[in-house]
C-alpha atoms as a PDB file:
ATOM      1  CA  MET A   1      -9.739   7.303  23.622  1.00  0.00           C
ATOM      2  CA  ILE A   2     -11.916   4.219  23.215  1.00  0.00           C
ATOM      3  CA  LYS A   3     -11.378   1.607  25.916  1.00  0.00           C
ATOM      4  CA  ALA A   4     -11.957  -2.130  25.712  1.00  0.00           C
ATOM      5  CA  ARG A   5     -15.318  -3.336  27.074  1.00  0.00           C
ATOM      6  CA  HIS A   6     -15.085  -7.108  27.216  1.00  0.00           C
ATOM      7  CA  SER A   7     -18.254  -9.120  26.770  1.00  0.00           C
ATOM      8  CA  PHE A   8     -18.438 -12.888  27.224  1.00  0.00           C
ATOM      9  CA  TRP A   9     -21.197 -13.276  24.628  1.00  0.00           C
ATOM     10  CA  ALA A  10     -19.472 -11.023  22.112  1.00  0.00           C
ATOM     11  CA  ASP A  11     -16.344 -13.116  22.499  1.00  0.00           C
ATOM     12  CA  GLN A  12     -18.249 -16.366  21.924  1.00  0.00           C
ATOM     13  CA  LEU A  13     -19.963 -15.005  18.809  1.00  0.00           C
ATOM     14  CA  PHE A  14     -16.764 -13.540  17.434  1.00  0.00           C
ATOM     15  CA  ARG A  15     -14.890 -16.807  17.892  1.00  0.00           C
ATOM     16  CA  LEU A  16     -17.502 -18.640  15.802  1.00  0.00           C
ATOM     17  CA  TYR A  17     -17.484 -15.901  13.192  1.00  0.00           C
ATOM     18  CA  VAL A  18     -13.694 -15.847  12.858  1.00  0.00           C
ATOM     19  CA  THR A  19     -13.474 -19.636  12.603  1.00  0.00           C
ATOM     20  CA  ARG A  20     -16.001 -19.699   9.761  1.00  0.00           C
ATOM     21  CA  LEU A  21     -14.289 -16.763   8.056  1.00  0.00           C
ATOM     22  CA  LEU A  22     -10.875 -18.404   8.147  1.00  0.00           C
ATOM     23  CA  LYS A  23     -12.310 -21.662   6.816  1.00  0.00           C
ATOM     24  CA  ARG A  24     -13.282 -19.839   3.653  1.00  0.00           C
ATOM     25  CA  HIS A  25      -9.961 -18.069   3.146  1.00  0.00           C
ATOM     26  CA  PHE A  26      -7.076 -20.227   4.443  1.00  0.00           C
ATOM     27  CA  ARG A  27      -5.839 -23.779   4.107  1.00  0.00           C
ATOM     28  CA  ARG A  28      -3.658 -24.362   7.169  1.00  0.00           C
ATOM     29  CA  PHE A  29      -2.029 -22.549  10.077  1.00  0.00           C
ATOM     30  CA  HIS A  30       1.513 -23.635  10.995  1.00  0.00           C
ATOM     31  CA  LEU A  31       3.370 -22.949  14.223  1.00  0.00           C
ATOM     32  CA  LEU A  32       7.082 -23.272  13.469  1.00  0.00           C
ATOM     33  CA  GLY A  33       9.645 -23.493  16.227  1.00  0.00           C
ATOM     34  CA  GLU A  34       8.640 -23.817  19.865  1.00  0.00           C
ATOM     35  CA  ARG A  35       5.572 -22.633  21.734  1.00  0.00           C
ATOM     36  CA  PRO A  36       6.404 -19.747  24.046  1.00  0.00           C
ATOM     37  CA  SER A  37       6.070 -20.266  27.791  1.00  0.00           C
ATOM     38  CA  PRO A  38       5.421 -16.867  29.389  1.00  0.00           C
ATOM     39  CA  ASP A  39       5.022 -16.712  33.150  1.00  0.00           C
ATOM     40  CA  PRO A  40       1.270 -16.427  33.964  1.00  0.00           C
ATOM     41  CA  ALA A  41       2.113 -14.280  37.001  1.00  0.00           C
ATOM     42  CA  TYR A  42       3.054 -11.394  34.699  1.00  0.00           C
ATOM     43  CA  PRO A  43       1.275  -9.669  31.803  1.00  0.00           C
ATOM     44  CA  LEU A  44       2.128 -10.751  28.268  1.00  0.00           C
ATOM     45  CA  LEU A  45       3.043  -8.132  25.669  1.00  0.00           C
ATOM     46  CA  LEU A  46       2.853  -9.713  22.201  1.00  0.00           C
ATOM     47  CA  LEU A  47       4.681  -7.842  19.414  1.00  0.00           C
ATOM     48  CA  PRO A  48       3.927  -9.141  15.877  1.00  0.00           C
ATOM     49  CA  ASN A  49       4.857  -7.696  12.515  1.00  0.00           C
ATOM     50  CA  HIS A  50       1.950  -6.038  10.697  1.00  0.00           C
ATOM     51  CA  SER A  51       1.854  -7.162   7.075  1.00  0.00           C
ATOM     52  CA  SER A  52      -1.726  -8.281   6.534  1.00  0.00           C
ATOM     53  CA  TRP A  53      -5.302  -7.126   7.033  1.00  0.00           C
ATOM     54  CA  TRP A  54      -5.833 -10.472   8.805  1.00  0.00           C
ATOM     55  CA  ASP A  55      -3.225  -9.936  11.533  1.00  0.00           C
ATOM     56  CA  GLY A  56      -5.645  -9.032  14.308  1.00  0.00           C
ATOM     57  CA  PHE A  57      -7.805 -12.087  13.612  1.00  0.00           C
ATOM     58  CA  TRP A  58      -4.764 -14.350  13.691  1.00  0.00           C
ATOM     59  CA  VAL A  59      -3.511 -12.944  16.987  1.00  0.00           C
ATOM     60  CA  TYR A  60      -6.966 -13.293  18.519  1.00  0.00           C
ATOM     61  CA  LEU A  61      -7.024 -17.006  17.652  1.00  0.00           C
ATOM     62  CA  LEU A  62      -3.425 -17.501  18.774  1.00  0.00           C
ATOM     63  CA  ASN A  63      -4.477 -16.290  22.189  1.00  0.00           C
ATOM     64  CA  GLN A  64      -7.465 -18.652  22.184  1.00  0.00           C
ATOM     65  CA  GLN A  65      -5.284 -21.580  21.171  1.00  0.00           C
ATOM     66  CA  LEU A  66      -2.072 -21.004  23.123  1.00  0.00           C
ATOM     67  CA  PHE A  67      -2.528 -18.595  26.007  1.00  0.00           C
ATOM     68  CA  GLN A  68      -6.235 -18.315  26.946  1.00  0.00           C
ATOM     69  CA  ARG A  69      -5.630 -14.937  28.584  1.00  0.00           C
ATOM     70  CA  GLN A  70      -7.820 -11.856  28.746  1.00  0.00           C
ATOM     71  CA  PHE A  71      -7.188 -10.335  25.307  1.00  0.00           C
ATOM     72  CA  TYR A  72      -6.383  -6.722  24.454  1.00  0.00           C
ATOM     73  CA  VAL A  73      -5.219  -5.312  21.114  1.00  0.00           C
ATOM     74  CA  MET A  74      -4.288  -1.750  20.206  1.00  0.00           C
ATOM     75  CA  MET A  75      -6.200  -0.532  17.136  1.00  0.00           C
ATOM     76  CA  LEU A  76      -6.411   2.724  15.198  1.00  0.00           C
ATOM     77  CA  GLU A  77      -9.149   4.742  16.830  1.00  0.00           C
ATOM     78  CA  ARG A  78     -10.669   5.840  13.524  1.00  0.00           C
ATOM     79  CA  GLU A  79     -11.108   2.188  12.570  1.00  0.00           C
ATOM     80  CA  LEU A  80     -12.495   1.293  15.981  1.00  0.00           C
ATOM     81  CA  LEU A  81     -15.073   4.065  15.577  1.00  0.00           C
ATOM     82  CA  LYS A  82     -16.223   2.323  12.375  1.00  0.00           C
ATOM     83  CA  TYR A  83     -16.309  -1.109  14.038  1.00  0.00           C
ATOM     84  CA  PRO A  84     -17.130  -0.515  17.744  1.00  0.00           C
ATOM     85  CA  PHE A  85     -17.950  -4.213  18.211  1.00  0.00           C
ATOM     86  CA  PHE A  86     -14.206  -4.911  18.357  1.00  0.00           C
ATOM     87  CA  SER A  87     -14.021  -3.132  21.710  1.00  0.00           C
ATOM     88  CA  ARG A  88     -16.181  -5.974  23.082  1.00  0.00           C
ATOM     89  CA  ILE A  89     -13.410  -8.474  22.361  1.00  0.00           C
ATOM     90  CA  GLY A  90     -10.582  -6.334  23.733  1.00  0.00           C
ATOM     91  CA  ALA A  91      -9.691  -3.703  21.133  1.00  0.00           C
ATOM     92  CA  PHE A  92      -8.790  -0.233  22.395  1.00  0.00           C
ATOM     93  CA  GLY A  93      -8.041   2.856  20.350  1.00  0.00           C
ATOM     94  CA  ILE A  94      -5.012   4.980  19.566  1.00  0.00           C
ATOM     95  CA  ASP A  95      -4.924   8.199  17.526  1.00  0.00           C
ATOM     96  CA  PRO A  96      -1.363   8.565  16.147  1.00  0.00           C
ATOM     97  CA  ASP A  97      -2.058  12.176  15.148  1.00  0.00           C
ATOM     98  CA  ASN A  98      -2.951  13.256  18.685  1.00  0.00           C
ATOM     99  CA  PRO A  99       0.062  13.385  21.056  1.00  0.00           C
ATOM    100  CA  LYS A 100      -2.143  13.785  24.120  1.00  0.00           C
ATOM    101  CA  GLY A 101      -4.321  10.900  22.961  1.00  0.00           C
ATOM    102  CA  ILE A 102      -1.248   8.713  22.446  1.00  0.00           C
ATOM    103  CA  LEU A 103      -0.211   9.352  26.041  1.00  0.00           C
ATOM    104  CA  HIS A 104      -3.696   8.433  27.300  1.00  0.00           C
ATOM    105  CA  THR A 105      -3.577   5.193  25.303  1.00  0.00           C
ATOM    106  CA  LEU A 106      -0.142   4.282  26.670  1.00  0.00           C
ATOM    107  CA  GLN A 107      -1.316   4.994  30.217  1.00  0.00           C
ATOM    108  CA  TYR A 108      -4.374   2.816  29.632  1.00  0.00           C
ATOM    109  CA  THR A 109      -2.139   0.024  28.330  1.00  0.00           C
ATOM    110  CA  VAL A 110      -0.169   0.084  31.574  1.00  0.00           C
ATOM    111  CA  GLU A 111      -3.436  -0.034  33.542  1.00  0.00           C
ATOM    112  CA  VAL A 112      -4.869  -3.063  31.747  1.00  0.00           C
ATOM    113  CA  MET A 113      -1.638  -5.004  32.216  1.00  0.00           C
ATOM    114  CA  ASN A 114      -2.441  -5.155  35.911  1.00  0.00           C
ATOM    115  CA  ALA A 115      -5.998  -6.392  35.369  1.00  0.00           C
ATOM    116  CA  PRO A 116      -6.682  -9.802  36.977  1.00  0.00           C
ATOM    117  CA  GLY A 117      -7.736 -12.753  34.847  1.00  0.00           C
ATOM    118  CA  ASP A 118      -8.828 -16.358  35.231  1.00  0.00           C
ATOM    119  CA  ASN A 119      -5.633 -17.574  33.551  1.00  0.00           C
ATOM    120  CA  GLY A 120      -3.098 -15.116  34.858  1.00  0.00           C
ATOM    121  CA  LYS A 121      -2.401 -11.578  33.760  1.00  0.00           C
ATOM    122  CA  PRO A 122      -3.760 -10.390  30.386  1.00  0.00           C
ATOM    123  CA  LEU A 123      -2.287 -10.528  26.906  1.00  0.00           C
ATOM    124  CA  VAL A 124      -1.812  -7.154  25.230  1.00  0.00           C
ATOM    125  CA  CYS A 125      -1.003  -7.121  21.517  1.00  0.00           C
ATOM    126  CA  ILE A 126       0.676  -4.088  19.958  1.00  0.00           C
ATOM    127  CA  PHE A 127       1.906  -3.840  16.370  1.00  0.00           C
ATOM    128  CA  PRO A 128       5.109  -1.790  16.849  1.00  0.00           C
ATOM    129  CA  GLN A 129       5.333  -0.802  13.174  1.00  0.00           C
ATOM    130  CA  GLY A 130       2.152   1.199  13.647  1.00  0.00           C
ATOM    131  CA  GLU A 131       0.918   0.603  10.101  1.00  0.00           C
ATOM    132  CA  LEU A 132       0.611  -2.105   7.459  1.00  0.00           C
ATOM    133  CA  ARG A 133       3.932  -2.804   5.749  1.00  0.00           C
ATOM    134  CA  PRO A 134       5.046  -5.621   3.419  1.00  0.00           C
ATOM    135  CA  TRP A 135       6.819  -8.276   5.474  1.00  0.00           C
ATOM    136  CA  ALA A 136      10.089  -7.864   3.501  1.00  0.00           C
ATOM    137  CA  ARG A 137      10.281  -4.092   3.855  1.00  0.00           C
ATOM    138  CA  ARG A 138      13.221  -2.874   5.912  1.00  0.00           C
ATOM    139  CA  PRO A 139      13.804  -1.158   8.196  1.00  0.00           C
ATOM    140  CA  LEU A 140      10.805  -2.214  10.250  1.00  0.00           C
ATOM    141  CA  ASP A 141      10.744   1.308  11.722  1.00  0.00           C
ATOM    142  CA  TYR A 142       9.343   0.474  15.147  1.00  0.00           C
ATOM    143  CA  LYS A 143       7.440   3.324  16.753  1.00  0.00           C
ATOM    144  CA  ARG A 144       8.329   4.456  20.256  1.00  0.00           C
ATOM    145  CA  GLY A 145       5.935   3.593  23.050  1.00  0.00           C
ATOM    146  CA  ILE A 146       6.906   0.072  24.099  1.00  0.00           C
ATOM    147  CA  ASP A 147       9.801   1.491  26.088  1.00  0.00           C
ATOM    148  CA  TRP A 148       7.453   3.965  27.830  1.00  0.00           C
ATOM    149  CA  ILE A 149       5.035   1.165  28.758  1.00  0.00           C
ATOM    150  CA  ILE A 150       7.787  -1.025  30.220  1.00  0.00           C
ATOM    151  CA  GLU A 151       9.264   1.888  32.178  1.00  0.00           C
ATOM    152  CA  LYS A 152       5.934   3.005  33.653  1.00  0.00           C
ATOM    153  CA  HIS A 153       4.603  -0.469  34.427  1.00  0.00           C
ATOM    154  CA  GLN A 154       6.961  -0.801  37.403  1.00  0.00           C
ATOM    155  CA  GLY A 155       7.054  -4.573  37.272  1.00  0.00           C
ATOM    156  CA  ASN A 156       7.961  -7.539  35.126  1.00  0.00           C
ATOM    157  CA  ILE A 157       6.348  -8.011  31.706  1.00  0.00           C
ATOM    158  CA  ASN A 158       6.590 -11.055  29.435  1.00  0.00           C
ATOM    159  CA  VAL A 159       7.622  -9.625  26.051  1.00  0.00           C
ATOM    160  CA  VAL A 160       7.220 -12.043  23.130  1.00  0.00           C
ATOM    161  CA  PRO A 161       8.110 -11.083  19.540  1.00  0.00           C
ATOM    162  CA  LEU A 162       6.172 -12.846  16.774  1.00  0.00           C
ATOM    163  CA  ALA A 163       6.721 -13.220  13.026  1.00  0.00           C
ATOM    164  CA  MET A 164       3.668 -13.976  10.844  1.00  0.00           C
ATOM    165  CA  ARG A 165       3.418 -14.629   7.129  1.00  0.00           C
ATOM    166  CA  ALA A 166       0.893 -15.995   4.625  1.00  0.00           C
ATOM    167  CA  GLU A 167       2.006 -17.913   1.512  1.00  0.00           C
ATOM    168  CA  TYR A 168       0.304 -19.462  -1.507  1.00  0.00           C
ATOM    169  CA  LEU A 169       1.954 -22.872  -1.905  1.00  0.00           C
ATOM    170  CA  GLY A 170       0.317 -24.500  -4.893  1.00  0.00           C
ATOM    171  CA  GLN A 171      -3.222 -24.371  -3.537  1.00  0.00           C
ATOM    172  CA  GLN A 172      -6.168 -22.030  -3.964  1.00  0.00           C
ATOM    173  CA  HIS A 173      -6.059 -21.051  -0.288  1.00  0.00           C
ATOM    174  CA  PRO A 174      -2.924 -19.625   1.352  1.00  0.00           C
ATOM    175  CA  GLU A 175      -1.193 -21.120   4.363  1.00  0.00           C
ATOM    176  CA  VAL A 176      -0.238 -19.033   7.399  1.00  0.00           C
ATOM    177  CA  PHE A 177       3.011 -19.426   9.331  1.00  0.00           C
ATOM    178  CA  PHE A 178       3.878 -18.249  12.844  1.00  0.00           C
ATOM    179  CA  LEU A 179       7.279 -18.144  14.528  1.00  0.00           C
ATOM    180  CA  PHE A 180       7.629 -16.897  18.095  1.00  0.00           C
ATOM    181  CA  GLY A 181      10.793 -15.464  19.536  1.00  0.00           C
ATOM    182  CA  LYS A 182      12.064 -16.013  23.040  1.00  0.00           C
ATOM    183  CA  SER A 183       9.769 -15.038  25.922  1.00  0.00           C
ATOM    184  CA  TYR A 184      11.688 -12.234  27.631  1.00  0.00           C
ATOM    185  CA  LEU A 185      10.950 -11.035  31.148  1.00  0.00           C
ATOM    186  CA  PHE A 186      11.623  -7.298  31.034  1.00  0.00           C
ATOM    187  CA  ASN A 187      11.201  -4.441  33.476  1.00  0.00           C
ATOM    188  CA  ALA A 188      12.353  -0.818  33.639  1.00  0.00           C
ATOM    189  CA  GLY A 189      15.749  -1.905  34.977  1.00  0.00           C
ATOM    190  CA  ASN A 190      16.744  -4.531  32.404  1.00  0.00           C
ATOM    191  CA  PHE A 191      14.940  -3.541  29.177  1.00  0.00           C
ATOM    192  CA  PRO A 192      17.597  -3.172  26.428  1.00  0.00           C
ATOM    193  CA  GLY A 193      15.497  -0.795  24.321  1.00  0.00           C
ATOM    194  CA  ILE A 194      13.195  -0.746  21.317  1.00  0.00           C
ATOM    195  CA  ASP A 195      16.102  -1.162  18.873  1.00  0.00           C
ATOM    196  CA  PHE A 196      16.821  -4.560  20.436  1.00  0.00           C
ATOM    197  CA  LEU A 197      13.225  -5.692  19.842  1.00  0.00           C
ATOM    198  CA  GLU A 198      13.349  -4.498  16.242  1.00  0.00           C
ATOM    199  CA  ALA A 199      16.577  -6.449  15.672  1.00  0.00           C
ATOM    200  CA  VAL A 200      14.968  -9.588  17.122  1.00  0.00           C
ATOM    201  CA  GLU A 201      11.950  -9.192  14.828  1.00  0.00           C
ATOM    202  CA  ASN A 202      14.238  -8.760  11.820  1.00  0.00           C
ATOM    203  CA  PHE A 203      15.900 -12.057  12.705  1.00  0.00           C
ATOM    204  CA  LEU A 204      12.559 -13.799  13.218  1.00  0.00           C
ATOM    205  CA  LEU A 205      11.167 -12.675   9.852  1.00  0.00           C
ATOM    206  CA  ASP A 206      14.303 -13.863   8.028  1.00  0.00           C
ATOM    207  CA  ASP A 207      14.276 -17.133   9.960  1.00  0.00           C
ATOM    208  CA  LEU A 208      10.599 -17.689   9.146  1.00  0.00           C
ATOM    209  CA  ALA A 209      11.242 -17.110   5.435  1.00  0.00           C
ATOM    210  CA  LEU A 210      13.999 -19.741   5.424  1.00  0.00           C
ATOM    211  CA  ARG A 211      11.886 -22.276   7.283  1.00  0.00           C
ATOM    212  CA  ILE A 212       9.098 -21.867   4.707  1.00  0.00           C
ATOM    213  CA  ILE A 213      11.582 -22.251   1.838  1.00  0.00           C
ATOM    214  CA  TYR A 214      12.943 -25.461   3.381  1.00  0.00           C
ATOM    215  CA  GLY A 215       9.431 -26.884   3.680  1.00  0.00           C
ATOM    216  CA  GLU A 216       9.201 -26.960   7.456  1.00  0.00           C
ATOM    217  CA  SER A 217       5.655 -27.878   8.454  1.00  0.00           C
ATOM    218  CA  GLY A 218       5.709 -27.492  12.219  1.00  0.00           C
ATOM    219  CA  GLU A 219       2.584 -27.863  14.312  1.00  0.00           C
ATOM    220  CA  ASP A 220      -0.964 -27.526  12.957  1.00  0.00           C
ATOM    221  CA  LEU A 221      -2.734 -24.891  14.997  1.00  0.00           C
ATOM    222  CA  PHE A 222      -6.100 -24.391  13.309  1.00  0.00           C
ATOM    223  CA  GLN A 223      -7.203 -26.990  10.782  1.00  0.00           C
ATOM    224  CA  VAL A 224      -9.844 -24.799   9.234  1.00  0.00           C
ATOM    225  CA  GLY A 225      -9.198 -25.093   5.510  1.00  0.00           C
ATOM    226  CA  PRO A 226     -10.547 -27.539   2.943  1.00  0.00           C
ATOM    227  CA  ASP A 227      -7.287 -29.476   2.557  1.00  0.00           C
ATOM    228  CA  HIS A 228      -4.984 -30.443   5.420  1.00  0.00           C
ATOM    229  CA  GLN A 229      -2.415 -32.598   3.634  1.00  0.00           C
ATOM    230  CA  SER A 230       1.091 -32.313   4.996  1.00  0.00           C
ATOM    231  CA  ARG A 231       3.729 -30.225   3.231  1.00  0.00           C
ATOM    232  CA  GLY A 232       6.174 -33.071   3.721  1.00  0.00           C
ATOM    233  CA  ALA A 233       8.888 -33.857   6.204  1.00  0.00           C
ATOM    234  CA  ALA A 234       9.916 -31.098   8.562  1.00  0.00           C
ATOM    235  CA  ALA A 235      13.160 -29.316   7.832  1.00  0.00           C
ATOM    236  CA  PRO A 236      16.167 -29.671  10.142  1.00  0.00           C
ATOM    237  CA  GLU A 237      15.992 -27.559  13.284  1.00  0.00           C
ATOM    238  CA  MET A 238      17.100 -23.964  12.821  1.00  0.00           C
ATOM    239  CA  PRO A 239      18.005 -21.327  15.421  1.00  0.00           C
ATOM    240  CA  GLN A 240      15.032 -19.933  17.328  1.00  0.00           C
ATOM    241  CA  GLY A 241      14.534 -16.209  16.981  1.00  0.00           C
ATOM    242  CA  GLY A 242      15.210 -14.062  20.006  1.00  0.00           C
ATOM    243  CA  ASP A 243      18.442 -15.669  21.198  1.00  0.00           C
ATOM    244  CA  VAL A 244      20.447 -13.024  19.978  1.00  0.00           C
ATOM    245  CA  ARG A 245      -0.451   2.675  11.478  1.00  0.00           C
ATOM    246  CA  THR A 246      -2.056  -0.175  13.173  1.00  0.00           C
ATOM    247  CA  ASN A 247      -5.442  -0.821  11.542  1.00  0.00           C
ATOM    248  CA  TRP A 248      -6.103  -3.486  14.139  1.00  0.00           C
END
């Protein structure tokens, strides 16, 4: 498998590149609901839906903006072979057609969760659907592996579900919306299972859709687009989610 090989200079260059890229393609980035507050003493496992080619870029910038942790993201190994630079910013490979390779990747994921960082334990992003799927497609069909990681880690892990969606709302450039679920502190003894996480993500995606329909604006995260006018007054507060072939 291909492991992450972090480079400070690669990270600085990539941050500039991504910012310029998003300026050309998006109007605004909205954080709806509350910011998560994971415990910095434990690793953070971020679990977004995977409905867009842009997902990895968005998660990278979310970490820069909200968490500032050492960043890791699981990516299809065949894609990482095409774009090896991504390993310099934290991407590591998985081959879904190689059972032995999958096990090596899961073991590596457990290892990096214990890596020290300047701002607490690292952030590891995994797209549990394992492939690009339209955001409205159900079931989400989470792949197994998260449960193995939590069982083998032998310690607490912050697990944070995330719903992401891009919408064209009367402008040339789309707007992007994020909604985090509750920050759970799971370990091998209290983890309720992958089906629980899939149910939470289902709720988050439906909740996010309603918030967009009602015109909720939330917090501006990255004002990168050409037009930053407000969408209007925020909608009334709604329940926060979680109380109940990865190409990146």
